[in-house]
Amino acid sequence: MSEENRQEAEKLAKRLNGYFHALFGAWLGVTAVFWLQAWGPMREHGGEPLALPVFPLFAVSVAAGFAVNLLPRSWYAVRDPCRAILCYQRLGILRLRRWITDGDYVRQRARQLDPAYVVDGAKRGLLERLSMTREIERAHLAFLLFGLATAVCAATAGWWIWAAAITISNVAVNLLPALMQRYTRSRVMRICSIRNSTAIP
């Protein structure tokens, strides 16, 4: 395949990944609009204000996101990679993998232009990929906790539609991707384990 095919495959993958990134942006937008309505700037004229103090609730939600940094490194450890892989597969993680950034769908479409196409993450060393999955999971967990705290605030105030919208979208764009990172980390750790066990002393 020519260099032109490779570049076209990368452009296609980047464009398709952009659609998945847009879903995350939509969730951020929903969450931001909720807080703007709670504060007042975007509330409809005559609309009911949040029946709770807004600033402390917002501060608690932000603090919940930052609390992820307090998690010990052991949180990201996978003690039994083989069992973890089977568990995630039974939960349907392979179906999810098709519809994520650099997932199966993106790779299949890109390889129609360049059969040798691989995602950027696959070009990294195993240790670097392990570190990358931890960082991505940490980011999604931070947004997940921020979203959960925001949904609780909305529910506590009786804004049930907002609470449902934030929670459902939060699961889609943060919880599921975080699980995907743990699944990927389990696979990489199994490969590392196999390599170590077959290494020549």
Protein backbone atom coordinates (compact mmCIF):
# COMPACT_ATOMS: atom_id res chain seq x y z
CA MET A 1 0.00 0.00 0.00
CA SER A 2 1.20 3.51 -0.78
CA GLU A 3 1.95 6.28 1.66
CA GLU A 4 -1.17 8.01 0.36
CA ASN A 5 -3.33 5.04 1.43
CA ARG A 6 -1.78 5.10 4.89
CA GLN A 7 -2.48 8.80 5.27
CA GLU A 8 -6.05 8.38 4.05
CA ALA A 9 -6.61 5.57 6.55
CA GLU A 10 -5.30 7.75 9.39
CA LYS A 11 -7.53 10.64 8.32
CA LEU A 12 -10.57 8.37 8.22
CA ALA A 13 -9.78 6.95 11.67
CA LYS A 14 -9.31 10.45 13.07
CA ARG A 15 -12.65 11.58 11.64
CA LEU A 16 -14.52 8.54 12.98
CA ASN A 17 -12.88 8.94 16.39
CA GLY A 18 -14.07 12.53 16.35
CA TYR A 19 -17.67 11.32 16.40
CA PHE A 20 -17.01 9.30 19.57
CA HIS A 21 -15.27 12.29 21.15
CA ALA A 22 -18.35 14.36 20.30
CA LEU A 23 -20.46 12.05 22.50
CA PHE A 24 -18.25 12.88 25.45
CA GLY A 25 -18.52 16.55 24.57
CA ALA A 26 -22.31 16.23 24.52
CA TRP A 27 -22.24 14.79 28.05
CA LEU A 28 -20.08 17.67 29.23
CA GLY A 29 -22.54 20.03 27.58
CA VAL A 30 -25.52 18.47 29.36
CA THR A 31 -23.72 18.69 32.70
CA ALA A 32 -22.65 22.29 32.09
CA VAL A 33 -26.19 23.35 31.12
CA PHE A 34 -27.53 21.78 34.32
CA TRP A 35 -25.18 23.82 36.47
CA LEU A 36 -25.85 26.99 34.47
CA GLN A 37 -29.57 26.49 35.03
CA ALA A 38 -28.94 25.78 38.71
CA TRP A 39 -26.88 28.97 39.03
CA GLY A 40 -29.49 30.94 37.12
CA PRO A 41 -27.94 32.34 33.88
CA MET A 42 -29.68 29.77 31.63
CA ARG A 43 -32.83 29.25 33.65
CA GLU A 44 -36.03 30.04 31.80
CA HIS A 45 -37.82 33.18 32.94
CA GLY A 46 -40.06 32.20 35.79
CA GLY A 47 -38.45 28.78 36.12
CA GLU A 48 -38.11 27.20 39.53
CA PRO A 49 -34.65 27.77 41.08
CA LEU A 50 -32.72 24.91 42.64
CA ALA A 51 -34.12 24.50 46.14
CA LEU A 52 -30.64 23.91 47.56
CA PRO A 53 -27.47 26.02 47.96
CA VAL A 54 -25.81 25.77 44.54
CA PHE A 55 -22.20 26.69 45.27
CA PRO A 56 -21.60 24.07 48.01
CA LEU A 57 -23.20 21.39 45.79
CA PHE A 58 -21.02 22.36 42.84
CA ALA A 59 -17.92 22.38 45.07
CA VAL A 60 -18.76 18.89 46.37
CA SER A 61 -19.23 17.61 42.81
CA VAL A 62 -15.87 19.00 41.70
CA ALA A 63 -14.21 17.61 44.83
CA ALA A 64 -15.68 14.18 44.05
CA GLY A 65 -13.93 14.26 40.69
CA PHE A 66 -10.59 15.27 42.20
CA ALA A 67 -10.94 12.55 44.86
CA VAL A 68 -9.89 10.03 42.21
CA ASN A 69 -6.32 11.24 42.74
CA LEU A 70 -6.52 9.78 46.26
CA LEU A 71 -7.01 6.24 44.96
CA PRO A 72 -3.98 4.03 45.69
CA ARG A 73 -2.03 2.53 42.81
CA SER A 74 -3.36 -0.88 43.87
CA TRP A 75 -6.81 0.22 42.64
CA TYR A 76 -5.54 -0.08 39.07
CA ALA A 77 -3.90 -3.46 39.61
CA VAL A 78 -5.31 -6.59 37.97
CA ARG A 79 -4.50 -9.55 40.19
CA ASP A 80 -5.81 -12.31 37.91
CA PRO A 81 -5.74 -11.11 34.28
CA CYS A 82 -7.23 -14.31 32.81
CA ARG A 83 -10.22 -14.28 35.16
CA ALA A 84 -10.70 -10.54 34.65
CA ILE A 85 -10.72 -10.96 30.86
CA LEU A 86 -13.41 -13.64 31.05
CA CYS A 87 -15.46 -11.54 33.46
CA TYR A 88 -15.41 -8.46 31.22
CA GLN A 89 -16.20 -10.53 28.14
CA ARG A 90 -19.25 -12.02 29.89
CA LEU A 91 -20.36 -8.47 30.67
CA GLY A 92 -20.35 -7.75 26.93
CA ILE A 93 -17.17 -5.71 26.71
CA LEU A 94 -16.45 -7.02 23.20
CA ARG A 95 -19.67 -5.44 21.94
CA LEU A 96 -18.65 -2.17 23.52
CA ARG A 97 -15.18 -2.40 21.98
CA ARG A 98 -16.70 -2.04 18.54
CA TRP A 99 -18.10 1.41 19.32
CA ILE A 100 -15.29 3.23 21.10
CA THR A 101 -12.41 5.44 20.08
CA ASP A 102 -9.97 3.36 18.00
CA GLY A 103 -12.36 0.42 18.43
CA ASP A 104 -13.12 -2.44 16.08
CA TYR A 105 -15.36 -0.37 13.80
CA VAL A 106 -12.73 2.35 13.33
CA ARG A 107 -9.99 -0.20 12.64
CA GLN A 108 -12.09 -2.14 10.14
CA ARG A 109 -12.98 0.98 8.19
CA ALA A 110 -9.38 2.23 8.19
CA ARG A 111 -8.03 -1.15 7.06
CA GLN A 112 -10.23 -1.01 3.99
CA LEU A 113 -7.88 1.74 2.86
CA ASP A 114 -4.70 0.36 4.42
CA PRO A 115 -4.67 -3.29 5.59
CA ALA A 116 -1.57 -2.56 7.69
CA TYR A 117 -3.27 0.19 9.71
CA VAL A 118 -2.83 -0.01 13.48
CA VAL A 119 -4.01 2.44 16.13
CA ASP A 120 -1.47 4.64 17.89
CA GLY A 121 -1.83 2.75 21.16
CA ALA A 122 -0.83 -0.52 19.50
CA LYS A 123 2.48 1.04 18.44
CA ARG A 124 3.51 1.59 22.06
CA GLY A 125 5.47 -0.77 24.25
CA LEU A 126 3.60 -2.95 26.72
CA LEU A 127 4.68 -1.00 29.82
CA GLU A 128 3.74 2.27 28.15
CA ARG A 129 0.34 0.86 27.22
CA LEU A 130 -0.24 -0.21 30.83
CA SER A 131 0.53 3.32 32.00
CA MET A 132 -1.72 4.78 29.30
CA THR A 133 -4.70 2.65 30.35
CA ARG A 134 -4.27 3.78 33.96
CA GLU A 135 -4.20 7.45 32.97
CA ILE A 136 -7.25 7.17 30.72
CA GLU A 137 -9.16 5.21 33.36
CA ARG A 138 -8.26 7.81 36.00
CA ALA A 139 -9.61 10.61 33.80
CA HIS A 140 -12.87 8.77 33.12
CA LEU A 141 -13.28 7.94 36.81
CA ALA A 142 -12.83 11.61 37.71
CA PHE A 143 -15.56 12.65 35.29
CA LEU A 144 -17.69 9.70 36.40
CA LEU A 145 -17.63 10.79 40.05
CA PHE A 146 -18.22 14.42 39.10
CA GLY A 147 -21.22 13.32 37.02
CA LEU A 148 -22.59 11.07 39.75
CA ALA A 149 -22.36 13.84 42.32
CA THR A 150 -24.04 16.22 39.88
CA ALA A 151 -26.85 13.72 39.25
CA VAL A 152 -27.35 13.29 43.01
CA CYS A 153 -27.62 17.06 43.38
CA ALA A 154 -30.22 17.17 40.60
CA ALA A 155 -32.21 14.30 42.13
CA THR A 156 -32.04 15.78 45.63
CA ALA A 157 -33.48 19.01 44.26
CA GLY A 158 -36.25 17.13 42.47
CA TRP A 159 -34.88 17.77 38.97
CA TRP A 160 -35.44 14.15 37.97
CA ILE A 161 -35.16 14.55 34.20
CA TRP A 162 -31.77 16.20 34.61
CA ALA A 163 -30.67 13.51 37.05
CA ALA A 164 -31.67 10.74 34.61
CA ALA A 165 -30.07 12.43 31.57
CA ILE A 166 -26.78 13.04 33.38
CA THR A 167 -26.66 9.53 34.85
CA ILE A 168 -27.44 7.65 31.63
CA SER A 169 -24.99 9.66 29.55
CA ASN A 170 -22.39 9.43 32.34
CA VAL A 171 -22.54 5.63 32.24
CA ALA A 172 -22.13 5.66 28.45
CA VAL A 173 -19.19 8.04 28.19
CA ASN A 174 -17.33 7.42 31.47
CA LEU A 175 -18.20 4.17 33.24
CA LEU A 176 -18.08 1.93 30.16
CA PRO A 177 -14.82 3.45 28.84
CA ALA A 178 -13.25 3.03 32.30
CA LEU A 179 -14.20 -0.67 32.23
CA MET A 180 -12.72 -0.92 28.74
CA GLN A 181 -9.40 0.39 30.04
CA ARG A 182 -9.39 -2.27 32.77
CA TYR A 183 -10.14 -4.93 30.17
CA THR A 184 -7.31 -3.69 27.95
CA ARG A 185 -4.96 -3.59 30.93
CA SER A 186 -5.90 -7.19 31.79
CA ARG A 187 -5.04 -8.30 28.25
CA VAL A 188 -1.71 -6.47 28.27
CA MET A 189 -0.83 -7.93 31.68
CA ARG A 190 -1.63 -11.43 30.44
CA ILE A 191 0.72 -10.89 27.49
CA CYS A 192 3.43 -9.65 29.88
CA SER A 193 2.88 -12.70 32.09
CA ILE A 194 3.15 -15.08 29.15
CA ARG A 195 6.33 -13.41 27.91
CA ASN A 196 7.91 -13.53 31.35
CA SER A 197 7.02 -17.21 31.80
CA THR A 198 8.49 -18.19 28.44
CA ALA A 199 11.59 -16.03 28.67
CA ILE A 200 14.93 -17.81 28.47
CA PRO A 201 16.69 -17.52 31.85
